Protein backbone atom coordinates (compact mmCIF):
# COMPACT_ATOMS: atom_id res chain seq x y z
CA MET A 1 -33.68 -7.22 -12.08
CA SER A 2 -34.77 -3.86 -13.58
CA ASN A 3 -33.60 -3.68 -17.17
CA VAL A 4 -32.70 -0.01 -17.66
CA ARG A 5 -33.89 -0.22 -21.24
CA SER A 6 -37.39 -0.90 -19.99
CA PHE A 7 -37.27 2.52 -18.40
CA GLY A 8 -36.09 4.35 -21.51
CA ALA A 9 -32.31 3.88 -21.55
CA VAL A 10 -30.85 3.38 -25.06
CA GLY A 11 -27.20 2.43 -24.48
CA ASN A 12 -26.01 3.47 -27.89
CA GLY A 13 -23.11 5.68 -26.71
CA THR A 14 -24.81 8.83 -28.10
CA ILE A 15 -27.96 9.53 -26.10
CA ASP A 16 -27.80 10.66 -22.44
CA ASP A 17 -29.36 7.90 -20.34
CA THR A 18 -29.17 9.64 -16.96
CA THR A 19 -32.91 10.33 -16.58
CA ALA A 20 -33.89 6.87 -17.73
CA ILE A 21 -31.58 5.21 -15.21
CA ARG A 22 -32.97 7.35 -12.40
CA HIS A 23 -36.45 6.21 -13.44
CA ALA A 24 -35.20 2.60 -13.10
CA ILE A 25 -34.12 3.32 -9.54
CA GLU A 26 -37.43 4.96 -8.63
CA GLY A 27 -39.70 2.41 -10.33
CA GLY A 28 -37.65 -0.77 -10.40
CA ASP A 29 -36.95 -3.64 -8.07
CA GLY A 30 -33.60 -2.34 -6.77
CA VAL A 31 -31.18 -4.06 -9.13
CA LEU A 32 -30.10 -2.01 -12.09
CA PHE A 33 -29.34 -4.29 -15.01
CA PHE A 34 -27.44 -2.93 -17.99
CA PRO A 35 -27.67 -5.09 -21.12
CA PRO A 36 -24.69 -4.92 -23.52
CA GLY A 37 -24.09 -1.35 -24.68
CA GLU A 38 -22.62 2.04 -23.85
CA TYR A 39 -24.71 4.13 -21.47
CA ILE A 40 -23.95 7.85 -21.23
CA ILE A 41 -24.60 9.57 -17.94
CA SER A 42 -23.94 13.27 -17.32
CA GLU A 43 -24.59 13.43 -13.56
CA THR A 44 -24.09 11.16 -10.60
CA ILE A 45 -26.59 8.29 -10.22
CA GLU A 46 -27.29 8.24 -6.53
CA ILE A 47 -28.84 5.11 -5.01
CA PRO A 48 -30.39 5.77 -1.53
CA LEU A 49 -30.17 2.24 -0.12
CA ALA A 50 -32.84 2.75 2.54
CA MET A 51 -35.39 3.43 -0.22
CA ALA A 52 -34.05 1.41 -3.16
CA GLY A 53 -32.57 -1.62 -1.40
CA PRO A 54 -31.79 -4.40 -1.47
CA ALA A 55 -29.87 -2.87 -4.34
CA GLY A 56 -27.25 -3.76 -6.90
CA ILE A 57 -25.70 -2.69 -10.21
CA LYS A 58 -25.14 -5.39 -12.77
CA GLY A 59 -23.73 -5.45 -16.22
CA ALA A 60 -23.76 -8.22 -18.83
CA GLN A 61 -20.53 -10.19 -18.23
CA GLY A 62 -18.43 -7.06 -18.79
CA ALA A 63 -20.14 -6.11 -22.07
CA SER A 64 -21.85 -3.10 -20.46
CA ARG A 65 -20.08 0.24 -20.32
CA ILE A 66 -20.98 3.42 -18.42
CA LEU A 67 -19.53 6.62 -19.90
CA MET A 68 -19.42 9.28 -17.17
CA LYS A 69 -19.44 12.72 -18.82
CA GLY A 70 -19.99 14.76 -15.67
CA ALA A 71 -18.07 15.63 -12.49
CA GLY A 72 -18.41 13.40 -9.43
CA PRO A 73 -18.92 9.64 -9.09
CA ALA A 74 -20.84 7.72 -11.77
CA PHE A 75 -22.61 5.94 -8.96
CA ARG A 76 -22.97 6.95 -5.36
CA LEU A 77 -24.32 4.38 -2.86
CA VAL A 78 -25.72 6.07 0.21
CA GLY A 79 -26.72 4.11 3.22
CA THR A 80 -27.64 4.95 6.83
CA HIS A 81 -25.36 2.60 8.78
CA GLY A 82 -23.86 4.40 11.74
CA GLY A 83 -22.90 1.25 13.67
CA THR A 84 -20.10 -1.26 13.55
CA GLY A 85 -19.75 -4.77 12.08
CA ASP A 86 -21.60 -6.08 15.09
CA PRO A 87 -25.04 -7.31 13.98
CA ASP A 88 -26.69 -5.70 17.00
CA SER A 89 -25.32 -2.28 16.05
CA ALA A 90 -27.23 -2.14 12.79
CA SER A 91 -30.88 -1.10 12.39
CA MET A 92 -33.51 -3.36 10.92
CA SER A 93 -33.36 -1.24 7.74
CA VAL A 94 -29.64 -1.80 7.40
CA ASN A 95 -29.74 -5.51 8.16
CA PHE A 96 -32.68 -6.36 5.82
CA ILE A 97 -32.91 -3.62 3.21
CA GLU A 98 -29.52 -1.84 2.83
CA ARG A 99 -27.20 -4.78 3.34
CA MET A 100 -24.74 -6.01 0.73
CA PRO A 101 -25.19 -3.78 -2.32
CA ILE A 102 -23.38 -5.60 -5.14
CA ILE A 103 -21.72 -3.97 -8.13
CA SER A 104 -20.57 -6.50 -10.74
CA ASP A 105 -19.74 -7.26 -14.37
CA ILE A 106 -19.63 -3.64 -15.52
CA GLU A 107 -17.17 -1.11 -16.93
CA ILE A 108 -17.06 2.61 -15.89
CA VAL A 109 -15.08 5.02 -18.07
CA GLY A 110 -14.53 8.69 -17.19
CA GLU A 111 -15.01 11.34 -19.88
CA HIS A 112 -14.68 14.32 -17.55
CA ALA A 113 -11.59 15.52 -15.69
CA GLU A 114 -13.41 15.31 -12.32
CA ALA A 115 -15.36 12.08 -12.94
CA ASP A 116 -15.04 9.37 -10.34
CA GLY A 117 -16.03 5.71 -10.42
CA ILE A 118 -18.10 4.57 -7.45
CA GLU A 119 -18.50 6.33 -4.06
CA CYS A 120 -19.79 4.65 -0.93
CA ILE A 121 -21.17 6.43 2.14
CA LEU A 122 -22.57 4.73 5.27
CA THR A 123 -22.85 1.35 3.64
CA LYS A 124 -22.66 -2.13 5.12
CA GLN A 125 -21.24 -5.11 3.16
CA ALA A 126 -20.72 -3.29 -0.17
CA THR A 127 -19.37 -5.82 -2.62
CA PHE A 128 -17.45 -5.16 -5.83
CA GLN A 129 -16.94 -8.10 -8.27
CA ARG A 130 -15.56 -8.13 -11.84
CA VAL A 131 -15.67 -4.32 -12.19
CA LEU A 132 -13.40 -2.34 -14.55
CA ILE A 133 -12.98 1.33 -13.72
CA ARG A 134 -10.64 3.44 -15.89
CA GLN A 135 -9.93 7.01 -17.00
CA VAL A 136 -11.70 8.50 -13.98
CA ARG A 137 -10.17 10.41 -11.10
CA HIS A 138 -10.72 8.10 -8.10
CA GLY A 139 -11.79 4.57 -8.89
CA ILE A 140 -13.51 3.33 -5.69
CA HIS A 141 -13.92 6.13 -3.15
CA LEU A 142 -14.89 5.21 0.41
CA ILE A 143 -15.74 8.19 2.62
CA LYS A 144 -17.32 9.00 6.00
CA ARG A 145 -18.27 5.53 7.33
CA ASN A 146 -18.52 2.09 5.79
CA ARG A 147 -18.32 -1.47 7.14
CA ASN A 148 -17.41 -4.92 5.75
CA VAL A 149 -16.34 -3.99 2.19
CA LEU A 150 -15.28 -6.69 -0.31
CA ILE A 151 -13.35 -5.84 -3.53
CA SER A 152 -12.39 -8.82 -5.65
CA ASP A 153 -11.56 -9.67 -9.28
CA CYS A 154 -11.59 -6.03 -10.34
CA HIS A 155 -9.47 -3.89 -12.63
CA ILE A 156 -8.88 -0.39 -11.35
CA TYR A 157 -6.78 0.95 -14.18
CA HIS A 158 -5.22 4.15 -15.52
CA ASN A 159 -7.06 6.74 -13.40
CA THR A 160 -5.79 10.26 -12.64
CA GLY A 161 -6.35 10.05 -8.90
CA VAL A 162 -6.30 7.03 -6.58
CA GLY A 163 -7.33 3.52 -7.47
CA ILE A 164 -8.99 2.54 -4.18
CA PHE A 165 -9.22 5.61 -1.89
CA MET A 166 -10.10 5.44 1.80
CA ASP A 167 -10.54 9.13 2.37
CA GLY A 168 -11.58 10.48 5.73
CA VAL A 169 -13.46 7.21 6.38
CA ASN A 170 -14.23 5.15 9.52
CA LEU A 171 -14.00 1.65 8.08
CA HIS A 172 -13.55 -1.75 9.72
CA GLN A 173 -13.33 -5.05 7.80
CA ILE A 174 -12.23 -4.58 4.21
CA ASN A 175 -10.77 -7.25 1.93
CA ILE A 176 -9.05 -6.33 -1.38
CA CYS A 177 -8.07 -9.49 -3.26
CA GLY A 178 -7.40 -10.91 -6.69
CA SER A 179 -7.47 -7.56 -8.47
CA HIS A 180 -5.29 -5.50 -10.81
CA ILE A 181 -4.71 -1.98 -9.51
CA SER A 182 -2.39 -0.15 -11.81
CA TYR A 183 -1.39 3.09 -13.56
CA ASN A 184 -3.31 5.28 -11.08
CA ARG A 185 -1.50 8.61 -10.81
CA LEU A 186 -1.88 9.26 -7.06
CA GLY A 187 -1.47 5.71 -5.78
CA GLY A 188 -2.99 2.26 -6.02
CA ILE A 189 -4.46 1.92 -2.56
CA ARG A 190 -4.32 5.04 -0.44
CA ILE A 191 -5.58 5.73 3.08
CA GLN A 192 -5.56 9.22 4.63
CA GLU A 193 -7.35 10.93 7.51
CA SER A 194 -9.08 7.75 8.29
CA GLU A 195 -9.64 5.14 11.00
CA VAL A 196 -9.25 1.70 9.44
CA ARG A 197 -9.20 -1.75 11.08
CA ASN A 198 -9.08 -5.29 9.69
CA LEU A 199 -7.66 -4.58 6.23
CA GLN A 200 -6.53 -7.48 4.08
CA ILE A 201 -4.71 -6.81 0.80
CA THR A 202 -3.95 -10.23 -0.75
CA GLY A 203 -3.24 -11.77 -4.13
CA ASN A 204 -3.25 -8.56 -6.13
CA ASP A 205 -1.09 -7.08 -8.85
CA ILE A 206 -0.49 -3.48 -7.77
CA GLU A 207 1.88 -1.62 -10.07
CA TYR A 208 3.01 1.56 -11.85
CA ASN A 209 0.82 3.85 -9.75
CA ASN A 210 2.56 7.15 -10.30
CA HIS A 211 2.69 10.08 -12.67
CA LYS A 212 4.71 8.58 -15.55
CA GLN A 213 1.83 7.30 -17.68
CA HIS A 214 -0.07 10.59 -17.22
CA GLY A 215 2.50 13.12 -18.43
CA THR A 216 2.30 15.16 -15.23
CA GLU A 217 4.93 16.36 -12.76
CA PRO A 218 6.04 13.78 -10.15
CA GLU A 219 4.68 13.91 -6.65
CA PRO A 220 5.29 11.49 -3.75
CA THR A 221 3.05 8.47 -3.93
CA ALA A 222 3.10 4.70 -3.57
CA GLU A 223 1.36 1.56 -4.73
CA ILE A 224 0.10 1.22 -1.14
CA TYR A 225 0.22 4.53 0.74
CA ILE A 226 -0.95 4.80 4.36
CA ASP A 227 -0.87 8.24 6.00
CA THR A 228 -2.02 8.47 9.61
CA THR A 229 -0.60 11.86 10.40
CA ALA A 230 -4.03 13.55 10.74
CA LYS A 231 -5.52 13.95 14.23
CA GLY A 232 -7.53 10.87 15.17
CA ALA A 233 -6.31 8.83 12.21
CA SER A 234 -5.10 5.28 12.69
CA VAL A 235 -4.69 2.13 10.64
CA CYS A 236 -4.31 -1.16 12.50
CA GLU A 237 -4.82 -4.92 12.07
CA VAL A 238 -3.52 -5.11 8.50
CA THR A 239 -2.26 -7.98 6.30
CA ILE A 240 -0.46 -7.31 3.00
CA ALA A 241 0.27 -10.73 1.59
CA SER A 242 1.06 -12.55 -1.66
CA ASN A 243 0.93 -9.40 -3.91
CA THR A 244 3.16 -8.28 -6.73
CA ILE A 245 3.87 -4.63 -5.90
CA GLN A 246 6.16 -2.91 -8.40
CA ALA A 247 6.60 0.37 -10.21
CA THR A 248 8.73 2.67 -12.26
CA VAL A 249 11.08 4.89 -10.24
CA SER A 250 9.51 8.27 -9.40
CA GLU A 251 10.68 11.14 -7.24
CA GLY A 252 9.62 10.57 -3.63
CA GLY A 253 8.01 7.28 -4.65
CA SER A 254 7.66 4.01 -2.71
CA ASN A 255 6.03 0.68 -3.28
CA ILE A 256 4.70 0.57 0.23
CA LYS A 257 4.77 3.72 2.34
CA ILE A 258 3.38 4.03 5.89
CA VAL A 259 3.71 7.40 7.55
CA ASP A 260 2.81 8.39 11.13
CA ASN A 261 3.81 11.61 12.86
CA ARG A 262 4.18 10.18 16.42
CA HIS A 263 7.63 8.71 15.60
CA GLY A 264 6.81 5.36 17.11
CA THR A 265 6.94 6.62 20.71
CA ASN A 266 3.26 6.97 21.51
CA HIS A 267 2.15 3.40 22.14
CA GLU A 268 -0.97 4.18 24.17
CA SER A 269 -4.49 4.16 22.90
CA MET A 270 -5.22 7.88 22.84
CA PRO A 271 -8.36 8.78 20.80
CA GLU A 272 -7.45 12.45 20.70
CA VAL A 273 -4.35 11.75 18.65
CA GLY A 274 -5.14 8.29 17.18
CA ARG A 275 -2.67 5.37 17.25
CA PRO A 276 0.53 4.64 15.39
CA PRO A 277 0.26 2.01 12.71
CA GLY A 278 0.56 -1.37 14.36
CA LEU A 279 -0.56 -5.04 14.32
CA TRP A 280 0.66 -5.36 10.71
CA THR A 281 2.01 -8.20 8.63
CA ILE A 282 3.70 -7.65 5.29
CA THR A 283 4.56 -11.14 4.06
CA GLY A 284 5.14 -13.18 0.88
CA ASN A 285 5.14 -10.26 -1.59
CA VAL A 286 7.35 -9.40 -4.54
CA ILE A 287 8.16 -5.67 -4.11
CA GLY A 288 10.47 -3.40 -6.02
CA ASN A 289 11.60 -1.03 -8.68
CA GLN A 290 10.98 2.34 -6.91
CA GLN A 291 13.01 4.98 -5.18
CA VAL A 292 12.33 3.16 -1.85
CA SER A 293 10.57 -0.24 -1.82
CA VAL A 294 9.22 -0.29 1.71
CA HIS A 295 9.34 3.02 3.62
CA LEU A 296 8.11 3.18 7.19
CA VAL A 297 8.11 6.46 9.11
CA GLY A 298 7.18 6.60 12.84
CA CYS A 299 5.72 3.10 12.79
CA TYR A 300 5.29 0.68 15.61
CA GLY A 301 4.62 -3.04 15.62
CA ILE A 302 5.07 -4.38 12.06
CA ILE A 303 6.38 -7.76 10.86
CA ILE A 304 7.98 -7.88 7.40
CA SER A 305 8.69 -11.47 6.44
CA GLY A 306 9.32 -13.74 3.48
CA ASN A 307 9.31 -11.08 0.84
CA THR A 308 11.46 -10.63 -2.26
CA ILE A 309 12.34 -6.93 -2.19
CA TYR A 310 14.46 -5.81 -5.13
CA SER A 311 16.02 -3.03 -7.20
CA SER A 312 15.58 0.35 -5.62
CA GLU A 313 17.14 3.74 -6.37
CA GLN A 314 17.88 4.37 -2.66
CA GLN A 315 16.85 1.54 -0.31
CA ASN A 316 14.89 -1.67 -0.47
CA MET A 317 13.68 -0.91 3.02
CA LEU A 318 13.91 2.39 4.92
CA LEU A 319 12.88 2.59 8.59
CA GLU A 320 12.77 6.09 10.13
CA GLU A 321 11.83 6.78 13.72
CA CYS A 322 10.32 3.34 14.09
CA SER A 323 10.14 0.80 16.89
CA GLN A 324 9.06 -2.81 17.42
CA ILE A 325 9.76 -3.76 13.76
CA ILE A 326 10.69 -7.34 12.79
CA SER A 327 12.23 -8.11 9.39
CA THR A 328 12.84 -11.81 8.88
CA GLY A 329 13.46 -14.17 5.99
CA ASN A 330 13.50 -11.39 3.35
CA LEU A 331 15.59 -11.35 0.20
CA PHE A 332 17.08 -7.94 -0.63
CA ARG A 333 18.69 -7.82 -4.09
CA ARG A 334 18.80 -5.95 -7.36
CA HIS A 335 18.36 -7.28 -10.84
CA THR A 336 19.16 -4.18 -12.95
CA PRO A 337 22.43 -2.27 -13.19
CA ALA A 338 20.72 1.11 -13.04
CA LEU A 339 19.35 0.59 -9.52
CA GLY A 340 20.64 -0.74 -6.20
CA THR A 341 19.75 -2.55 -3.03
CA GLY A 342 20.08 -2.31 0.72
CA VAL A 343 18.35 -1.38 4.02
CA LYS A 344 18.62 1.69 6.19
CA ILE A 345 17.53 2.03 9.83
CA ALA A 346 17.54 5.57 11.14
CA ASN A 347 16.59 7.13 14.50
CA SER A 348 14.89 3.90 15.50
CA HIS A 349 14.95 1.35 18.36
CA THR A 350 13.81 -2.18 19.20
CA ILE A 351 14.39 -3.43 15.63
CA ASN A 352 15.09 -7.05 14.78
CA ILE A 353 16.63 -8.13 11.45
CA SER A 354 17.09 -11.90 11.14
CA GLY A 355 17.53 -14.56 8.47
CA CYS A 356 17.74 -12.07 5.61
CA THR A 357 19.89 -12.13 2.52
CA PHE A 358 21.42 -8.98 1.06
CA HIS A 359 23.07 -9.33 -2.35
CA ASP A 360 24.40 -6.81 -4.88
CA GLU A 361 24.66 -8.42 -8.31
CA HIS A 362 26.52 -5.65 -10.04
CA PRO A 363 30.27 -6.21 -10.63
CA ASP A 364 31.11 -2.59 -9.74
CA GLY A 365 28.99 -2.41 -6.57
CA GLN A 366 26.44 0.16 -5.45
CA GLN A 367 26.22 3.11 -7.87
CA SER A 368 24.54 5.05 -5.02
CA GLY A 369 27.53 4.54 -2.72
CA LEU A 370 25.29 3.13 0.00
CA PRO A 371 26.14 0.04 2.05
CA LEU A 372 24.00 -3.05 2.05
CA LEU A 373 22.83 -2.39 5.62
CA GLU A 374 23.04 1.02 7.24
CA VAL A 375 22.16 1.79 10.90
CA THR A 376 22.30 5.40 12.13
CA ASP A 377 21.41 7.09 15.39
CA SER A 378 19.62 3.98 16.68
CA SER A 379 19.65 1.62 19.59
CA LEU A 380 18.46 -1.82 20.66
CA VAL A 381 18.91 -3.31 17.19
CA ASN A 382 19.46 -7.03 16.76
CA ILE A 383 20.95 -8.33 13.48
CA SER A 384 21.30 -12.09 13.40
CA GLY A 385 21.77 -14.94 10.91
CA CYS A 386 21.94 -12.68 7.85
CA GLN A 387 24.12 -13.00 4.76
CA LEU A 388 25.48 -9.86 3.15
CA THR A 389 27.42 -10.33 -0.10
CA ASN A 390 29.14 -7.92 -2.45
CA GLY A 391 28.58 -4.78 -0.42
CA ALA A 392 30.30 -1.77 -1.84
CA PRO A 393 31.51 0.42 -0.36
CA GLU A 394 30.61 -1.55 2.79
CA GLY A 395 28.59 -4.49 3.98
CA MET A 396 27.31 -3.02 7.25
CA SER A 397 27.78 0.61 8.19
CA LEU A 398 26.80 1.76 11.69
CA LEU A 399 26.97 5.37 12.86
CA ASN A 400 26.16 6.64 16.43
CA VAL A 401 24.56 3.35 17.58
CA SER A 402 24.27 1.76 20.98
CA ASN A 403 23.16 -1.65 22.24
CA VAL A 404 23.38 -3.17 18.76
CA ASN A 405 23.85 -6.94 18.74
CA ILE A 406 25.29 -8.45 15.53
CA SER A 407 25.56 -12.27 15.67
CA GLY A 408 25.87 -15.26 13.34
CA CYS A 409 26.13 -13.12 10.18
CA THR A 410 28.30 -13.59 7.10
CA VAL A 411 29.62 -10.48 5.38
CA THR A 412 31.82 -11.05 2.36
CA ASP A 413 32.64 -10.09 -1.17
CA LEU A 414 32.23 -12.89 -3.72
CA ARG A 415 33.51 -10.95 -6.77
CA ASN A 416 36.76 -11.92 -8.47
CA GLU A 417 37.93 -8.38 -7.76
CA PRO A 418 36.39 -7.38 -4.41
CA LYS A 419 35.02 -3.85 -4.11
CA MET A 420 34.01 -3.94 -0.41
CA LYS A 421 36.20 -1.61 1.67
CA HIS A 422 34.89 -2.82 5.05
CA ALA A 423 32.70 -5.75 5.96
CA ILE A 424 31.43 -4.12 9.19
CA ALA A 425 32.20 -0.51 10.17
CA PHE A 426 31.33 1.36 13.40
CA ARG A 427 31.70 5.13 13.45
CA GLY A 428 30.76 8.07 15.56
CA LYS A 429 29.80 7.39 19.16
CA GLY A 430 28.06 4.58 20.94
CA SER A 431 28.24 1.95 23.70
CA GLY A 432 27.03 -1.50 24.59
CA ASN A 433 27.47 -2.95 21.13
CA LEU A 434 28.22 -6.68 20.69
CA LEU A 435 29.72 -8.77 17.89
CA THR A 436 29.61 -12.54 18.24
CA GLY A 437 30.07 -15.47 15.92
CA ASN A 438 30.23 -13.53 12.63
CA ILE A 439 32.24 -14.19 9.48
CA ALA A 440 33.64 -11.08 7.83
CA THR A 441 36.01 -11.64 4.92
CA ASN A 442 37.39 -10.31 1.63
CA ALA A 443 37.30 -6.62 2.42
CA VAL A 444 39.77 -4.49 0.52
CA GLU A 445 40.87 -2.49 3.60
CA ASN A 446 39.64 -3.86 6.96
CA ASN A 447 37.04 -6.53 7.56
CA LEU A 448 36.13 -4.72 10.84
CA LEU A 449 36.48 -1.03 11.39
CA VAL A 450 35.74 0.45 14.83
CA GLU A 451 36.40 4.15 15.43
CA ASP A 452 37.61 5.29 18.85
CA GLY A 453 34.31 6.79 19.99
CA VAL A 454 32.36 3.52 19.73
CA GLU A 455 32.37 0.71 22.25
CA VAL A 456 32.16 -2.72 20.68
CA LEU A 457 32.52 -5.97 22.60
CA ARG A 458 33.70 -8.96 20.58
């Protein structure tokens, strides 16, 4: 390892060490080692992997701090990899010199409004371990093209931009695990204008990623925010599992938000417009305390299973213009009087909701006036084996729906003084709806309400 102090760095938190660190890159063995201390840099330290590799950045068990006083990333790793994850697609230089740059055991602190943490361009197998990045703009910034990225055991904390930002990047194979990603103003993990495949987000604590700790005006964001509305953008083959994903309520905010502008109807592989989000699993997470917990717009092909989804200002789950969505074995509830619970399905089709529990714990019912399960302007929706308790004003509310099958559900009010007006209510127009084997009890007015314009077989 190249000890940066051997090349003139001081690390006393006063002297600018930028030039000395660059000397270490030019004259060292490729691995920058920072002994305990505070190292000031005023410009980006760029590491050209083809020349400096095999390369790495290593601190002393977290006792080494980089103070970035200039604009741009503290470190920029620049490779030449234009291929895929296939070994045969990489050049000899990439496979033997540029491969697996490791950043570990170091802290990066921003002292400039436009300072970033670490930026990666055209890298293969970039690996982040035990890294703390705080008070910068974007923590880890992945742009243009990267492959096989690993981020583990890191703290991406209290930054003014995005914690982990996939920004206009072509990236396959990325694992984000065992990390704390919190208090980042524009989102915890955010993907936009990108093509991403094989993304695993597992075992993390992702929370409070909005404006509130920064004293700025609110703007829509999420702990995990995926936007594939740009031409050619797509995000597929994704697992979000075993995370705690929570927040403070913010205007337009969500815990998980996935947005596509093709409204779930374009199911073909069309490179000129990209693909809708698909081949996703969201499972085993604790999610809540936002305006909307899980918000899907125009999505296709997502399974949401085994999650605890709680306490939202509007809905625990909101599906808009979606298709081929399965929600199974989820618990929807609230644990604070100020917020609510429930699910809304709007302008969607081929949706399956099964084995879920919906429960409002407040004695006076929903302060928002929303039902526990709302379906509007949708078709081909199956709702089976669910329990909905203490809905107020209603358990299930369905407006302008067709070919909706509700079977084996229990909808009731368990309060000493019931507040539920209707257990199940059909309004507007619609045909081909079916009710079989349900239990609907304890409504104040009618357990089942069917307006004249709706056809319901029972």
